[in-house]
Amino acid sequence: MKKLTKVEEQIMQIIWQLERCTVSDIRKELGDPDEIPHSTVSSVARILEKKGFLDHKAYGRTYEYFPIIKQEEYSNQTLKGFIDNYFEGSFERLVSFFVKKNDINPEEIKDLLAKIDDSEKSEP
């Protein structure tokens, strides 16, 4: 799966939220539509199509875009890449990093372990 730029990801977040939308809908979600050129958003949408994230349905000259890659699928791939690149593929190293930085406390780790245990018990 190809990586998204910050702008592409920002637009994909909107499209995932709206599920089906036009360039005008995206521009409204980005803020003041008068400040964001239609052509810019349209160009990014076409790039996202080429990358395999979107498809569209044409209604005359208006395109309705919809995602063909699920947000969860992209999130999983991105997180896996992050852990591979920065923590040698080790979730343990990732958690250890946050513990050392005091960004996660032992109680939160216990809660996570309990959720993992519950999830393993519920699997067939």
PDB file of N, CA and C in Angstrom:
ATOM      1  N   MET A   1       0.846  -1.174   0.000  1.00  0.00           N
ATOM      2  CA  MET A   1       0.000   0.000   0.000  1.00  0.00           C
ATOM      3  C   MET A   1       0.896   1.243   0.000  1.00  0.00           C
ATOM      4  N   LYS A   2       0.531   2.195  -0.830  1.00  0.00           N
ATOM      5  CA  LYS A   2       1.324   3.417  -0.927  1.00  0.00           C
ATOM      6  C   LYS A   2       1.084   4.313   0.279  1.00  0.00           C
ATOM      7  N   LYS A   3       2.095   5.131   0.569  1.00  0.00           N
ATOM      8  CA  LYS A   3       2.026   6.060   1.677  1.00  0.00           C
ATOM      9  C   LYS A   3       1.357   7.355   1.224  1.00  0.00           C
ATOM     10  N   LEU A   4       0.660   8.006   2.137  1.00  0.00           N
ATOM     11  CA  LEU A   4      -0.002   9.265   1.828  1.00  0.00           C
ATOM     12  C   LEU A   4       0.802  10.443   2.375  1.00  0.00           C
ATOM     13  N   THR A   5       0.763  11.556   1.640  1.00  0.00           N
ATOM     14  CA  THR A   5       1.332  12.794   2.167  1.00  0.00           C
ATOM     15  C   THR A   5       0.375  13.327   3.227  1.00  0.00           C
ATOM     16  N   LYS A   6       0.799  14.356   3.951  1.00  0.00           N
ATOM     17  CA  LYS A   6      -0.068  14.942   4.991  1.00  0.00           C
ATOM     18  C   LYS A   6      -1.364  15.469   4.391  1.00  0.00           C
ATOM     19  N   VAL A   7      -1.278  16.146   3.260  1.00  0.00           N
ATOM     20  CA  VAL A   7      -2.471  16.704   2.617  1.00  0.00           C
ATOM     21  C   VAL A   7      -3.384  15.577   2.126  1.00  0.00           C
ATOM     22  N   GLU A   8      -2.799  14.561   1.509  1.00  0.00           N
ATOM     23  CA  GLU A   8      -3.598  13.431   1.037  1.00  0.00           C
ATOM     24  C   GLU A   8      -4.295  12.744   2.201  1.00  0.00           C
ATOM     25  N   GLU A   9      -3.565  12.570   3.293  1.00  0.00           N
ATOM     26  CA  GLU A   9      -4.162  11.916   4.459  1.00  0.00           C
ATOM     27  C   GLU A   9      -5.281  12.778   5.055  1.00  0.00           C
ATOM     28  N   GLN A  10      -5.081  14.073   5.092  1.00  0.00           N
ATOM     29  CA  GLN A  10      -6.115  14.973   5.605  1.00  0.00           C
ATOM     30  C   GLN A  10      -7.391  14.847   4.763  1.00  0.00           C
ATOM     31  N   ILE A  11      -7.241  14.792   3.469  1.00  0.00           N
ATOM     32  CA  ILE A  11      -8.402  14.662   2.592  1.00  0.00           C
ATOM     33  C   ILE A  11      -9.020  13.271   2.719  1.00  0.00           C
ATOM     34  N   MET A  12      -8.194  12.245   2.848  1.00  0.00           N
ATOM     35  CA  MET A  12      -8.733  10.888   3.042  1.00  0.00           C
ATOM     36  C   MET A  12      -9.520  10.799   4.345  1.00  0.00           C
ATOM     37  N   GLN A  13      -9.056  11.459   5.404  1.00  0.00           N
ATOM     38  CA  GLN A  13      -9.790  11.444   6.676  1.00  0.00           C
ATOM     39  C   GLN A  13     -11.205  11.999   6.469  1.00  0.00           C
ATOM     40  N   ILE A  14     -11.316  13.046   5.687  1.00  0.00           N
ATOM     41  CA  ILE A  14     -12.629  13.637   5.387  1.00  0.00           C
ATOM     42  C   ILE A  14     -13.477  12.663   4.584  1.00  0.00           C
ATOM     43  N   ILE A  15     -12.877  12.051   3.576  1.00  0.00           N
ATOM     44  CA  ILE A  15     -13.629  11.124   2.718  1.00  0.00           C
ATOM     45  C   ILE A  15     -14.066   9.897   3.515  1.00  0.00           C
ATOM     46  N   TRP A  16     -13.198   9.376   4.387  1.00  0.00           N
ATOM     47  CA  TRP A  16     -13.603   8.249   5.237  1.00  0.00           C
ATOM     48  C   TRP A  16     -14.777   8.645   6.128  1.00  0.00           C
ATOM     49  N   GLN A  17     -14.736   9.867   6.620  1.00  0.00           N
ATOM     50  CA  GLN A  17     -15.819  10.341   7.501  1.00  0.00           C
ATOM     51  C   GLN A  17     -17.128  10.496   6.723  1.00  0.00           C
ATOM     52  N   LEU A  18     -17.067  11.112   5.545  1.00  0.00           N
ATOM     53  CA  LEU A  18     -18.270  11.386   4.760  1.00  0.00           C
ATOM     54  C   LEU A  18     -18.749  10.165   3.968  1.00  0.00           C
ATOM     55  N   GLU A  19     -17.856   9.254   3.667  1.00  0.00           N
ATOM     56  CA  GLU A  19     -18.094   8.034   2.893  1.00  0.00           C
ATOM     57  C   GLU A  19     -18.303   8.274   1.403  1.00  0.00           C
ATOM     58  N   ARG A  20     -19.136   9.212   1.031  1.00  0.00           N
ATOM     59  CA  ARG A  20     -19.329   9.600  -0.367  1.00  0.00           C
ATOM     60  C   ARG A  20     -19.400  11.117  -0.392  1.00  0.00           C
ATOM     61  N   CYS A  21     -18.623  11.746  -1.297  1.00  0.00           N
ATOM     62  CA  CYS A  21     -18.603  13.201  -1.288  1.00  0.00           C
ATOM     63  C   CYS A  21     -18.061  13.754  -2.602  1.00  0.00           C
ATOM     64  N   THR A  22     -18.343  15.017  -2.812  1.00  0.00           N
ATOM     65  CA  THR A  22     -17.820  15.748  -3.962  1.00  0.00           C
ATOM     66  C   THR A  22     -16.638  16.605  -3.508  1.00  0.00           C
ATOM     67  N   VAL A  23     -15.951  17.194  -4.458  1.00  0.00           N
ATOM     68  CA  VAL A  23     -14.855  18.107  -4.133  1.00  0.00           C
ATOM     69  C   VAL A  23     -15.379  19.276  -3.298  1.00  0.00           C
ATOM     70  N   SER A  24     -16.569  19.760  -3.608  1.00  0.00           N
ATOM     71  CA  SER A  24     -17.164  20.861  -2.834  1.00  0.00           C
ATOM     72  C   SER A  24     -17.388  20.460  -1.385  1.00  0.00           C
ATOM     73  N   ASP A  25     -17.834  19.220  -1.153  1.00  0.00           N
ATOM     74  CA  ASP A  25     -18.029  18.728   0.210  1.00  0.00           C
ATOM     75  C   ASP A  25     -16.702  18.707   0.963  1.00  0.00           C
ATOM     76  N   ILE A  26     -15.653  18.260   0.288  1.00  0.00           N
ATOM     77  CA  ILE A  26     -14.327  18.195   0.912  1.00  0.00           C
ATOM     78  C   ILE A  26     -13.850  19.597   1.263  1.00  0.00           C
ATOM     79  N   ARG A  27     -14.031  20.539   0.343  1.00  0.00           N
ATOM     80  CA  ARG A  27     -13.602  21.916   0.579  1.00  0.00           C
ATOM     81  C   ARG A  27     -14.316  22.516   1.780  1.00  0.00           C
ATOM     82  N   LYS A  28     -15.600  22.227   1.933  1.00  0.00           N
ATOM     83  CA  LYS A  28     -16.356  22.728   3.091  1.00  0.00           C
ATOM     84  C   LYS A  28     -15.780  22.172   4.384  1.00  0.00           C
ATOM     85  N   GLU A  29     -15.414  20.905   4.390  1.00  0.00           N
ATOM     86  CA  GLU A  29     -14.872  20.270   5.587  1.00  0.00           C
ATOM     87  C   GLU A  29     -13.472  20.791   5.926  1.00  0.00           C
ATOM     88  N   LEU A  30     -12.738  21.215   4.917  1.00  0.00           N
ATOM     89  CA  LEU A  30     -11.382  21.727   5.136  1.00  0.00           C
ATOM     90  C   LEU A  30     -11.375  23.123   5.741  1.00  0.00           C
ATOM     91  N   GLY A  31     -12.489  23.807   5.669  1.00  0.00           N
ATOM     92  CA  GLY A  31     -12.544  25.175   6.199  1.00  0.00           C
ATOM     93  C   GLY A  31     -13.275  26.066   5.221  1.00  0.00           C
ATOM     94  N   ASP A  32     -12.836  27.291   5.109  1.00  0.00           N
ATOM     95  CA  ASP A  32     -13.458  28.266   4.219  1.00  0.00           C
ATOM     96  C   ASP A  32     -13.226  27.851   2.765  1.00  0.00           C
ATOM     97  N   PRO A  33     -14.284  27.429   2.073  1.00  0.00           N
ATOM     98  CA  PRO A  33     -14.119  26.970   0.685  1.00  0.00           C
ATOM     99  C   PRO A  33     -13.536  28.025  -0.249  1.00  0.00           C
ATOM    100  N   ASP A  34     -13.728  29.306   0.083  1.00  0.00           N
ATOM    101  CA  ASP A  34     -13.184  30.365  -0.774  1.00  0.00           C
ATOM    102  C   ASP A  34     -11.664  30.435  -0.707  1.00  0.00           C
ATOM    103  N   GLU A  35     -11.078  29.898   0.364  1.00  0.00           N
ATOM    104  CA  GLU A  35      -9.623  29.941   0.527  1.00  0.00           C
ATOM    105  C   GLU A  35      -8.926  28.727  -0.074  1.00  0.00           C
ATOM    106  N   ILE A  36      -9.687  27.693  -0.384  1.00  0.00           N
ATOM    107  CA  ILE A  36      -9.100  26.451  -0.890  1.00  0.00           C
ATOM    108  C   ILE A  36      -9.581  26.237  -2.324  1.00  0.00           C
ATOM    109  N   PRO A  37      -8.676  26.348  -3.283  1.00  0.00           N
ATOM    110  CA  PRO A  37      -9.086  26.213  -4.687  1.00  0.00           C
ATOM    111  C   PRO A  37      -9.675  24.838  -5.007  1.00  0.00           C
ATOM    112  N   HIS A  38     -10.748  24.853  -5.763  1.00  0.00           N
ATOM    113  CA  HIS A  38     -11.401  23.627  -6.219  1.00  0.00           C
ATOM    114  C   HIS A  38     -10.406  22.744  -6.959  1.00  0.00           C
ATOM    115  N   SER A  39      -9.582  23.372  -7.791  1.00  0.00           N
ATOM    116  CA  SER A  39      -8.625  22.615  -8.603  1.00  0.00           C
ATOM    117  C   SER A  39      -7.604  21.879  -7.738  1.00  0.00           C
ATOM    118  N   THR A  40      -7.225  22.457  -6.611  1.00  0.00           N
ATOM    119  CA  THR A  40      -6.253  21.815  -5.722  1.00  0.00           C
ATOM    120  C   THR A  40      -6.828  20.541  -5.125  1.00  0.00           C
ATOM    121  N   VAL A  41      -8.038  20.642  -4.587  1.00  0.00           N
ATOM    122  CA  VAL A  41      -8.679  19.469  -3.984  1.00  0.00           C
ATOM    123  C   VAL A  41      -8.964  18.416  -5.054  1.00  0.00           C
ATOM    124  N   SER A  42      -9.385  18.853  -6.216  1.00  0.00           N
ATOM    125  CA  SER A  42      -9.649  17.933  -7.319  1.00  0.00           C
ATOM    126  C   SER A  42      -8.372  17.194  -7.732  1.00  0.00           C
ATOM    127  N   SER A  43      -7.258  17.910  -7.788  1.00  0.00           N
ATOM    128  CA  SER A  43      -5.976  17.282  -8.139  1.00  0.00           C
ATOM    129  C   SER A  43      -5.565  16.238  -7.107  1.00  0.00           C
ATOM    130  N   VAL A  44      -5.739  16.559  -5.821  1.00  0.00           N
ATOM    131  CA  VAL A  44      -5.390  15.603  -4.770  1.00  0.00           C
ATOM    132  C   VAL A  44      -6.296  14.377  -4.865  1.00  0.00           C
ATOM    133  N   ALA A  45      -7.566  14.581  -5.140  1.00  0.00           N
ATOM    134  CA  ALA A  45      -8.494  13.443  -5.283  1.00  0.00           C
ATOM    135  C   ALA A  45      -8.056  12.542  -6.441  1.00  0.00           C
ATOM    136  N   ARG A  46      -7.637  13.129  -7.541  1.00  0.00           N
ATOM    137  CA  ARG A  46      -7.170  12.313  -8.677  1.00  0.00           C
ATOM    138  C   ARG A  46      -5.909  11.536  -8.308  1.00  0.00           C
ATOM    139  N   ILE A  47      -5.017  12.160  -7.552  1.00  0.00           N
ATOM    140  CA  ILE A  47      -3.803  11.468  -7.090  1.00  0.00           C
ATOM    141  C   ILE A  47      -4.194  10.287  -6.197  1.00  0.00           C
ATOM    142  N   LEU A  48      -5.163  10.518  -5.307  1.00  0.00           N
ATOM    143  CA  LEU A  48      -5.621   9.445  -4.415  1.00  0.00           C
ATOM    144  C   LEU A  48      -6.245   8.298  -5.211  1.00  0.00           C
ATOM    145  N   GLU A  49      -6.901   8.632  -6.308  1.00  0.00           N
ATOM    146  CA  GLU A  49      -7.439   7.586  -7.191  1.00  0.00           C
ATOM    147  C   GLU A  49      -6.301   6.779  -7.811  1.00  0.00           C
ATOM    148  N   LYS A  50      -5.290   7.468  -8.312  1.00  0.00           N
ATOM    149  CA  LYS A  50      -4.145   6.784  -8.927  1.00  0.00           C
ATOM    150  C   LYS A  50      -3.419   5.899  -7.925  1.00  0.00           C
ATOM    151  N   LYS A  51      -3.388   6.327  -6.658  1.00  0.00           N
ATOM    152  CA  LYS A  51      -2.737   5.537  -5.613  1.00  0.00           C
ATOM    153  C   LYS A  51      -3.609   4.368  -5.146  1.00  0.00           C
ATOM    154  N   GLY A  52      -4.852   4.328  -5.613  1.00  0.00           N
ATOM    155  CA  GLY A  52      -5.732   3.211  -5.275  1.00  0.00           C
ATOM    156  C   GLY A  52      -6.527   3.376  -3.993  1.00  0.00           C
ATOM    157  N   PHE A  53      -6.663   4.600  -3.513  1.00  0.00           N
ATOM    158  CA  PHE A  53      -7.416   4.851  -2.288  1.00  0.00           C
ATOM    159  C   PHE A  53      -8.872   5.215  -2.550  1.00  0.00           C
ATOM    160  N   LEU A  54      -9.142   5.798  -3.715  1.00  0.00           N
ATOM    161  CA  LEU A  54     -10.481   6.285  -4.050  1.00  0.00           C
ATOM    162  C   LEU A  54     -10.938   5.752  -5.389  1.00  0.00           C
ATOM    163  N   ASP A  55     -12.241   5.847  -5.551  1.00  0.00           N
ATOM    164  CA  ASP A  55     -12.844   5.682  -6.868  1.00  0.00           C
ATOM    165  C   ASP A  55     -13.914   6.770  -6.948  1.00  0.00           C
ATOM    166  N   HIS A  56     -14.538   6.881  -8.106  1.00  0.00           N
ATOM    167  CA  HIS A  56     -15.569   7.904  -8.241  1.00  0.00           C
ATOM    168  C   HIS A  56     -16.694   7.427  -9.146  1.00  0.00           C
ATOM    169  N   LYS A  57     -17.812   8.116  -9.004  1.00  0.00           N
ATOM    170  CA  LYS A  57     -18.939   7.933  -9.907  1.00  0.00           C
ATOM    171  C   LYS A  57     -19.221   9.303 -10.500  1.00  0.00           C
ATOM    172  N   ALA A  58     -19.350   9.358 -11.804  1.00  0.00           N
ATOM    173  CA  ALA A  58     -19.564  10.634 -12.480  1.00  0.00           C
ATOM    174  C   ALA A  58     -21.051  10.919 -12.649  1.00  0.00           C
ATOM    175  N   TYR A  59     -21.420  12.142 -12.355  1.00  0.00           N
ATOM    176  CA  TYR A  59     -22.766  12.671 -12.609  1.00  0.00           C
ATOM    177  C   TYR A  59     -22.569  13.906 -13.472  1.00  0.00           C
ATOM    178  N   GLY A  60     -22.490  13.691 -14.773  1.00  0.00           N
ATOM    179  CA  GLY A  60     -22.148  14.793 -15.666  1.00  0.00           C
ATOM    180  C   GLY A  60     -20.704  15.188 -15.410  1.00  0.00           C
ATOM    181  N   ARG A  61     -20.497  16.468 -15.079  1.00  0.00           N
ATOM    182  CA  ARG A  61     -19.135  16.950 -14.803  1.00  0.00           C
ATOM    183  C   ARG A  61     -18.772  16.862 -13.321  1.00  0.00           C
ATOM    184  N   THR A  62     -19.705  16.402 -12.509  1.00  0.00           N
ATOM    185  CA  THR A  62     -19.452  16.294 -11.069  1.00  0.00           C
ATOM    186  C   THR A  62     -19.087  14.862 -10.724  1.00  0.00           C
ATOM    187  N   TYR A  63     -18.036  14.719  -9.939  1.00  0.00           N
ATOM    188  CA  TYR A  63     -17.596  13.403  -9.479  1.00  0.00           C
ATOM    189  C   TYR A  63     -17.949  13.237  -8.005  1.00  0.00           C
ATOM    190  N   GLU A  64     -18.494  12.076  -7.694  1.00  0.00           N
ATOM    191  CA  GLU A  64     -18.721  11.708  -6.297  1.00  0.00           C
ATOM    192  C   GLU A  64     -17.655  10.679  -5.942  1.00  0.00           C
ATOM    193  N   TYR A  65     -16.828  11.027  -4.965  1.00  0.00           N
ATOM    194  CA  TYR A  65     -15.723  10.160  -4.570  1.00  0.00           C
ATOM    195  C   TYR A  65     -16.127   9.278  -3.396  1.00  0.00           C
ATOM    196  N   PHE A  66     -15.537   8.083  -3.364  1.00  0.00           N
ATOM    197  CA  PHE A  66     -15.756   7.174  -2.241  1.00  0.00           C
ATOM    198  C   PHE A  66     -14.483   6.352  -2.040  1.00  0.00           C
ATOM    199  N   PRO A  67     -14.208   6.003  -0.777  1.00  0.00           N
ATOM    200  CA  PRO A  67     -12.972   5.263  -0.485  1.00  0.00           C
ATOM    201  C   PRO A  67     -13.073   3.801  -0.917  1.00  0.00           C
ATOM    202  N   ILE A  68     -11.960   3.258  -1.386  1.00  0.00           N
ATOM    203  CA  ILE A  68     -11.917   1.821  -1.668  1.00  0.00           C
ATOM    204  C   ILE A  68     -10.922   1.124  -0.740  1.00  0.00           C
ATOM    205  N   ILE A  69     -10.173   1.915   0.017  1.00  0.00           N
ATOM    206  CA  ILE A  69      -9.321   1.396   1.087  1.00  0.00           C
ATOM    207  C   ILE A  69      -9.972   1.833   2.395  1.00  0.00           C
ATOM    208  N   LYS A  70     -10.185   0.885   3.283  1.00  0.00           N
ATOM    209  CA  LYS A  70     -10.803   1.215   4.569  1.00  0.00           C
ATOM    210  C   LYS A  70      -9.801   1.946   5.460  1.00  0.00           C
ATOM    211  N   GLN A  71     -10.322   2.843   6.281  1.00  0.00           N
ATOM    212  CA  GLN A  71      -9.487   3.614   7.195  1.00  0.00           C
ATOM    213  C   GLN A  71      -8.708   2.685   8.126  1.00  0.00           C
ATOM    214  N   GLU A  72      -9.369   1.656   8.633  1.00  0.00           N
ATOM    215  CA  GLU A  72      -8.704   0.720   9.539  1.00  0.00           C
ATOM    216  C   GLU A  72      -7.548   0.000   8.846  1.00  0.00           C
ATOM    217  N   GLU A  73      -7.738  -0.358   7.588  1.00  0.00           N
ATOM    218  CA  GLU A  73      -6.685  -1.022   6.821  1.00  0.00           C
ATOM    219  C   GLU A  73      -5.465  -0.117   6.680  1.00  0.00           C
ATOM    220  N   TYR A  74      -5.709   1.162   6.347  1.00  0.00           N
ATOM    221  CA  TYR A  74      -4.606   2.108   6.219  1.00  0.00           C
ATOM    222  C   TYR A  74      -3.936   2.349   7.568  1.00  0.00           C
ATOM    223  N   SER A  75      -4.741   2.507   8.615  1.00  0.00           N
ATOM    224  CA  SER A  75      -4.198   2.737   9.964  1.00  0.00           C
ATOM    225  C   SER A  75      -3.310   1.579  10.399  1.00  0.00           C
ATOM    226  N   ASN A  76      -3.780   0.354  10.180  1.00  0.00           N
ATOM    227  CA  ASN A  76      -2.992  -0.817  10.558  1.00  0.00           C
ATOM    228  C   ASN A  76      -1.664  -0.851   9.823  1.00  0.00           C
ATOM    229  N   GLN A  77      -1.704  -0.586   8.533  1.00  0.00           N
ATOM    230  CA  GLN A  77      -0.491  -0.613   7.716  1.00  0.00           C
ATOM    231  C   GLN A  77       0.481   0.487   8.149  1.00  0.00           C
ATOM    232  N   THR A  78      -0.055   1.671   8.418  1.00  0.00           N
ATOM    233  CA  THR A  78       0.778   2.799   8.828  1.00  0.00           C
ATOM    234  C   THR A  78       1.414   2.537  10.191  1.00  0.00           C
ATOM    235  N   LEU A  79       0.620   2.031  11.126  1.00  0.00           N
ATOM    236  CA  LEU A  79       1.143   1.734  12.455  1.00  0.00           C
ATOM    237  C   LEU A  79       2.200   0.641  12.391  1.00  0.00           C
ATOM    238  N   LYS A  80       1.947  -0.387  11.594  1.00  0.00           N
ATOM    239  CA  LYS A  80       2.929  -1.467  11.447  1.00  0.00           C
ATOM    240  C   LYS A  80       4.232  -0.910  10.884  1.00  0.00           C
ATOM    241  N   GLY A  81       4.143  -0.046   9.888  1.00  0.00           N
ATOM    242  CA  GLY A  81       5.339   0.571   9.305  1.00  0.00           C
ATOM    243  C   GLY A  81       6.085   1.419  10.322  1.00  0.00           C
ATOM    244  N   PHE A  82       5.328   2.149  11.125  1.00  0.00           N
ATOM    245  CA  PHE A  82       5.938   2.983  12.160  1.00  0.00           C
ATOM    246  C   PHE A  82       6.706   2.120  13.158  1.00  0.00           C
ATOM    247  N   ILE A  83       6.077   1.045  13.627  1.00  0.00           N
ATOM    248  CA  ILE A  83       6.728   0.161  14.599  1.00  0.00           C
ATOM    249  C   ILE A  83       7.935  -0.520  13.963  1.00  0.00           C
ATOM    250  N   ASP A  84       7.803  -0.941  12.712  1.00  0.00           N
ATOM    251  CA  ASP A  84       8.938  -1.563  12.011  1.00  0.00           C
ATOM    252  C   ASP A  84      10.102  -0.586  11.867  1.00  0.00           C
ATOM    253  N   ASN A  85       9.801   0.653  11.479  1.00  0.00           N
ATOM    254  CA  ASN A  85      10.848   1.641  11.202  1.00  0.00           C
ATOM    255  C   ASN A  85      11.519   2.209  12.447  1.00  0.00           C
ATOM    256  N   TYR A  86      10.759   2.374  13.526  1.00  0.00           N
ATOM    257  CA  TYR A  86      11.302   3.064  14.691  1.00  0.00           C
ATOM    258  C   TYR A  86      11.549   2.158  15.901  1.00  0.00           C
ATOM    259  N   PHE A  87      10.940   0.972  15.900  1.00  0.00           N
ATOM    260  CA  PHE A  87      11.073   0.086  17.062  1.00  0.00           C
ATOM    261  C   PHE A  87      11.429  -1.342  16.656  1.00  0.00           C
ATOM    262  N   GLU A  88      12.094  -1.473  15.502  1.00  0.00           N
ATOM    263  CA  GLU A  88      12.553  -2.761  14.989  1.00  0.00           C
ATOM    264  C   GLU A  88      11.453  -3.814  14.986  1.00  0.00           C
ATOM    265  N   GLY A  89      10.232  -3.376  14.720  1.00  0.00           N
ATOM    266  CA  GLY A  89       9.103  -4.301  14.620  1.00  0.00           C
ATOM    267  C   GLY A  89       8.604  -4.825  15.952  1.00  0.00           C
ATOM    268  N   SER A  90       9.075  -4.256  17.045  1.00  0.00           N
ATOM    269  CA  SER A  90       8.741  -4.774  18.373  1.00  0.00           C
ATOM    270  C   SER A  90       7.726  -3.881  19.083  1.00  0.00           C
ATOM    271  N   PHE A  91       6.550  -4.449  19.334  1.00  0.00           N
ATOM    272  CA  PHE A  91       5.542  -3.731  20.102  1.00  0.00           C
ATOM    273  C   PHE A  91       6.046  -3.507  21.533  1.00  0.00           C
ATOM    274  N   GLU A  92       6.803  -4.463  22.039  1.00  0.00           N
ATOM    275  CA  GLU A  92       7.373  -4.341  23.388  1.00  0.00           C
ATOM    276  C   GLU A  92       8.271  -3.110  23.483  1.00  0.00           C
ATOM    277  N   ARG A  93       9.092  -2.877  22.463  1.00  0.00           N
ATOM    278  CA  ARG A  93       9.966  -1.689  22.458  1.00  0.00           C
ATOM    279  C   ARG A  93       9.138  -0.406  22.390  1.00  0.00           C
ATOM    280  N   LEU A  94       8.042  -0.455  21.650  1.00  0.00           N
ATOM    281  CA  LEU A  94       7.161   0.712  21.562  1.00  0.00           C
ATOM    282  C   LEU A  94       6.584   1.041  22.940  1.00  0.00           C
ATOM    283  N   VAL A  95       6.038   0.043  23.615  1.00  0.00           N
ATOM    284  CA  VAL A  95       5.456   0.267  24.940  1.00  0.00           C
ATOM    285  C   VAL A  95       6.536   0.709  25.921  1.00  0.00           C
ATOM    286  N   SER A  96       7.692   0.087  25.864  1.00  0.00           N
ATOM    287  CA  SER A  96       8.808   0.452  26.736  1.00  0.00           C
ATOM    288  C   SER A  96       9.192   1.918  26.538  1.00  0.00           C
ATOM    289  N   PHE A  97       9.195   2.356  25.297  1.00  0.00           N
ATOM    290  CA  PHE A  97       9.503   3.755  24.986  1.00  0.00           C
ATOM    291  C   PHE A  97       8.530   4.690  25.706  1.00  0.00           C
ATOM    292  N   PHE A  98       7.228   4.380  25.615  1.00  0.00           N
ATOM    293  CA  PHE A  98       6.227   5.228  26.256  1.00  0.00           C
ATOM    294  C   PHE A  98       6.313   5.172  27.775  1.00  0.00           C
ATOM    295  N   VAL A  99       6.656   4.026  28.313  1.00  0.00           N
ATOM    296  CA  VAL A  99       6.833   3.913  29.763  1.00  0.00           C
ATOM    297  C   VAL A  99       8.004   4.791  30.206  1.00  0.00           C
ATOM    298  N   LYS A 100       9.120   4.716  29.499  1.00  0.00           N
ATOM    299  CA  LYS A 100      10.302   5.517  29.853  1.00  0.00           C
ATOM    300  C   LYS A 100      10.027   7.011  29.765  1.00  0.00           C
ATOM    301  N   LYS A 101       9.185   7.407  28.830  1.00  0.00           N
ATOM    302  CA  LYS A 101       8.859   8.824  28.652  1.00  0.00           C
ATOM    303  C   LYS A 101       7.719   9.262  29.570  1.00  0.00           C
ATOM    304  N   ASN A 102       7.234   8.336  30.399  1.00  0.00           N
ATOM    305  CA  ASN A 102       6.106   8.606  31.316  1.00  0.00           C
ATOM    306  C   ASN A 102       4.824   8.982  30.572  1.00  0.00           C
ATOM    307  N   ASP A 103       4.688   8.514  29.347  1.00  0.00           N
ATOM    308  CA  ASP A 103       3.475   8.763  28.571  1.00  0.00           C
ATOM    309  C   ASP A 103       2.423   7.686  28.814  1.00  0.00           C
ATOM    310  N   ILE A 104       2.804   6.638  29.511  1.00  0.00           N
ATOM    311  CA  ILE A 104       1.866   5.574  29.861  1.00  0.00           C
ATOM    312  C   ILE A 104       2.256   5.100  31.262  1.00  0.00           C
ATOM    313  N   ASN A 105       1.254   4.837  32.077  1.00  0.00           N
ATOM    314  CA  ASN A 105       1.562   4.420  33.446  1.00  0.00           C
ATOM    315  C   ASN A 105       1.227   2.936  33.627  1.00  0.00           C
ATOM    316  N   PRO A 106       1.705   2.349  34.704  1.00  0.00           N
ATOM    317  CA  PRO A 106       1.480   0.911  34.930  1.00  0.00           C
ATOM    318  C   PRO A 106      -0.001   0.517  34.948  1.00  0.00           C
ATOM    319  N   GLU A 107      -0.859   1.399  35.425  1.00  0.00           N
ATOM    320  CA  GLU A 107      -2.297   1.088  35.462  1.00  0.00           C
ATOM    321  C   GLU A 107      -2.850   0.948  34.037  1.00  0.00           C
ATOM    322  N   GLU A 108      -2.398   1.817  33.136  1.00  0.00           N
ATOM    323  CA  GLU A 108      -2.835   1.725  31.738  1.00  0.00           C
ATOM    324  C   GLU A 108      -2.325   0.431  31.100  1.00  0.00           C
ATOM    325  N   ILE A 109      -1.126   0.021  31.449  1.00  0.00           N
ATOM    326  CA  ILE A 109      -0.581  -1.233  30.926  1.00  0.00           C
ATOM    327  C   ILE A 109      -1.416  -2.410  31.424  1.00  0.00           C
ATOM    328  N   LYS A 110      -1.792  -2.385  32.692  1.00  0.00           N
ATOM    329  CA  LYS A 110      -2.650  -3.449  33.244  1.00  0.00           C
ATOM    330  C   LYS A 110      -3.978  -3.507  32.488  1.00  0.00           C
ATOM    331  N   ASP A 111      -4.565  -2.340  32.224  1.00  0.00           N
ATOM    332  CA  ASP A 111      -5.820  -2.288  31.474  1.00  0.00           C
ATOM    333  C   ASP A 111      -5.656  -2.888  30.077  1.00  0.00           C
ATOM    334  N   LEU A 112      -4.544  -2.546  29.425  1.00  0.00           N
ATOM    335  CA  LEU A 112      -4.271  -3.097  28.092  1.00  0.00           C
ATOM    336  C   LEU A 112      -4.125  -4.617  28.140  1.00  0.00           C
ATOM    337  N   LEU A 113      -3.394  -5.098  29.131  1.00  0.00           N
ATOM    338  CA  LEU A 113      -3.218  -6.550  29.275  1.00  0.00           C
ATOM    339  C   LEU A 113      -4.547  -7.245  29.528  1.00  0.00           C
ATOM    340  N   ALA A 114      -5.407  -6.628  30.313  1.00  0.00           N
ATOM    341  CA  ALA A 114      -6.728  -7.203  30.577  1.00  0.00           C
ATOM    342  C   ALA A 114      -7.549  -7.266  29.286  1.00  0.00           C
ATOM    343  N   LYS A 115      -7.474  -6.213  28.462  1.00  0.00           N
ATOM    344  CA  LYS A 115      -8.199  -6.208  27.187  1.00  0.00           C
ATOM    345  C   LYS A 115      -7.666  -7.287  26.253  1.00  0.00           C
ATOM    346  N   ILE A 116      -6.352  -7.458  26.239  1.00  0.00           N
ATOM    347  CA  ILE A 116      -5.749  -8.508  25.407  1.00  0.00           C
ATOM    348  C   ILE A 116      -6.213  -9.877  25.885  1.00  0.00           C
ATOM    349  N   ASP A 117      -6.211 -10.060  27.192  1.00  0.00           N
ATOM    350  CA  ASP A 117      -6.639 -11.341  27.775  1.00  0.00           C
ATOM    351  C   ASP A 117      -8.104 -11.608  27.434  1.00  0.00           C
ATOM    352  N   ASP A 118      -8.966 -10.589  27.568  1.00  0.00           N
ATOM    353  CA  ASP A 118     -10.389 -10.745  27.245  1.00  0.00           C
ATOM    354  C   ASP A 118     -10.579 -11.079  25.773  1.00  0.00           C
ATOM    355  N   SER A 119      -9.810 -10.429  24.932  1.00  0.00           N
ATOM    356  CA  SER A 119      -9.936 -10.663  23.494  1.00  0.00           C
ATOM    357  C   SER A 119      -9.487 -12.067  23.126  1.00  0.00           C
ATOM    358  N   GLU A 120      -8.450 -12.564  23.756  1.00  0.00           N
ATOM    359  CA  GLU A 120      -7.994 -13.937  23.497  1.00  0.00           C
ATOM    360  C   GLU A 120      -9.005 -14.966  23.968  1.00  0.00           C
ATOM    361  N   LYS A 121      -9.687 -14.672  25.064  1.00  0.00           N
ATOM    362  CA  LYS A 121     -10.703 -15.591  25.585  1.00  0.00           C
ATOM    363  C   LYS A 121     -11.927 -15.645  24.683  1.00  0.00           C
ATOM    364  N   SER A 122     -12.237 -14.533  24.031  1.00  0.00           N
ATOM    365  CA  SER A 122     -13.438 -14.480  23.198  1.00  0.00           C
ATOM    366  C   SER A 122     -13.216 -15.046  21.802  1.00  0.00           C
ATOM    367  N   GLU A 123     -11.967 -15.261  21.409  1.00  0.00           N
ATOM    368  CA  GLU A 123     -11.686 -15.823  20.095  1.00  0.00           C
ATOM    369  C   GLU A 123     -12.016 -17.307  20.078  1.00  0.00           C
ATOM    370  N   PRO A 124     -12.593 -17.789  18.967  1.00  0.00           N
ATOM    371  CA  PRO A 124     -12.944 -19.222  18.881  1.00  0.00           C
ATOM    372  C   PRO A 124     -11.730 -20.105  18.732  1.00  0.00           C
TER     373      PRO A 124
END
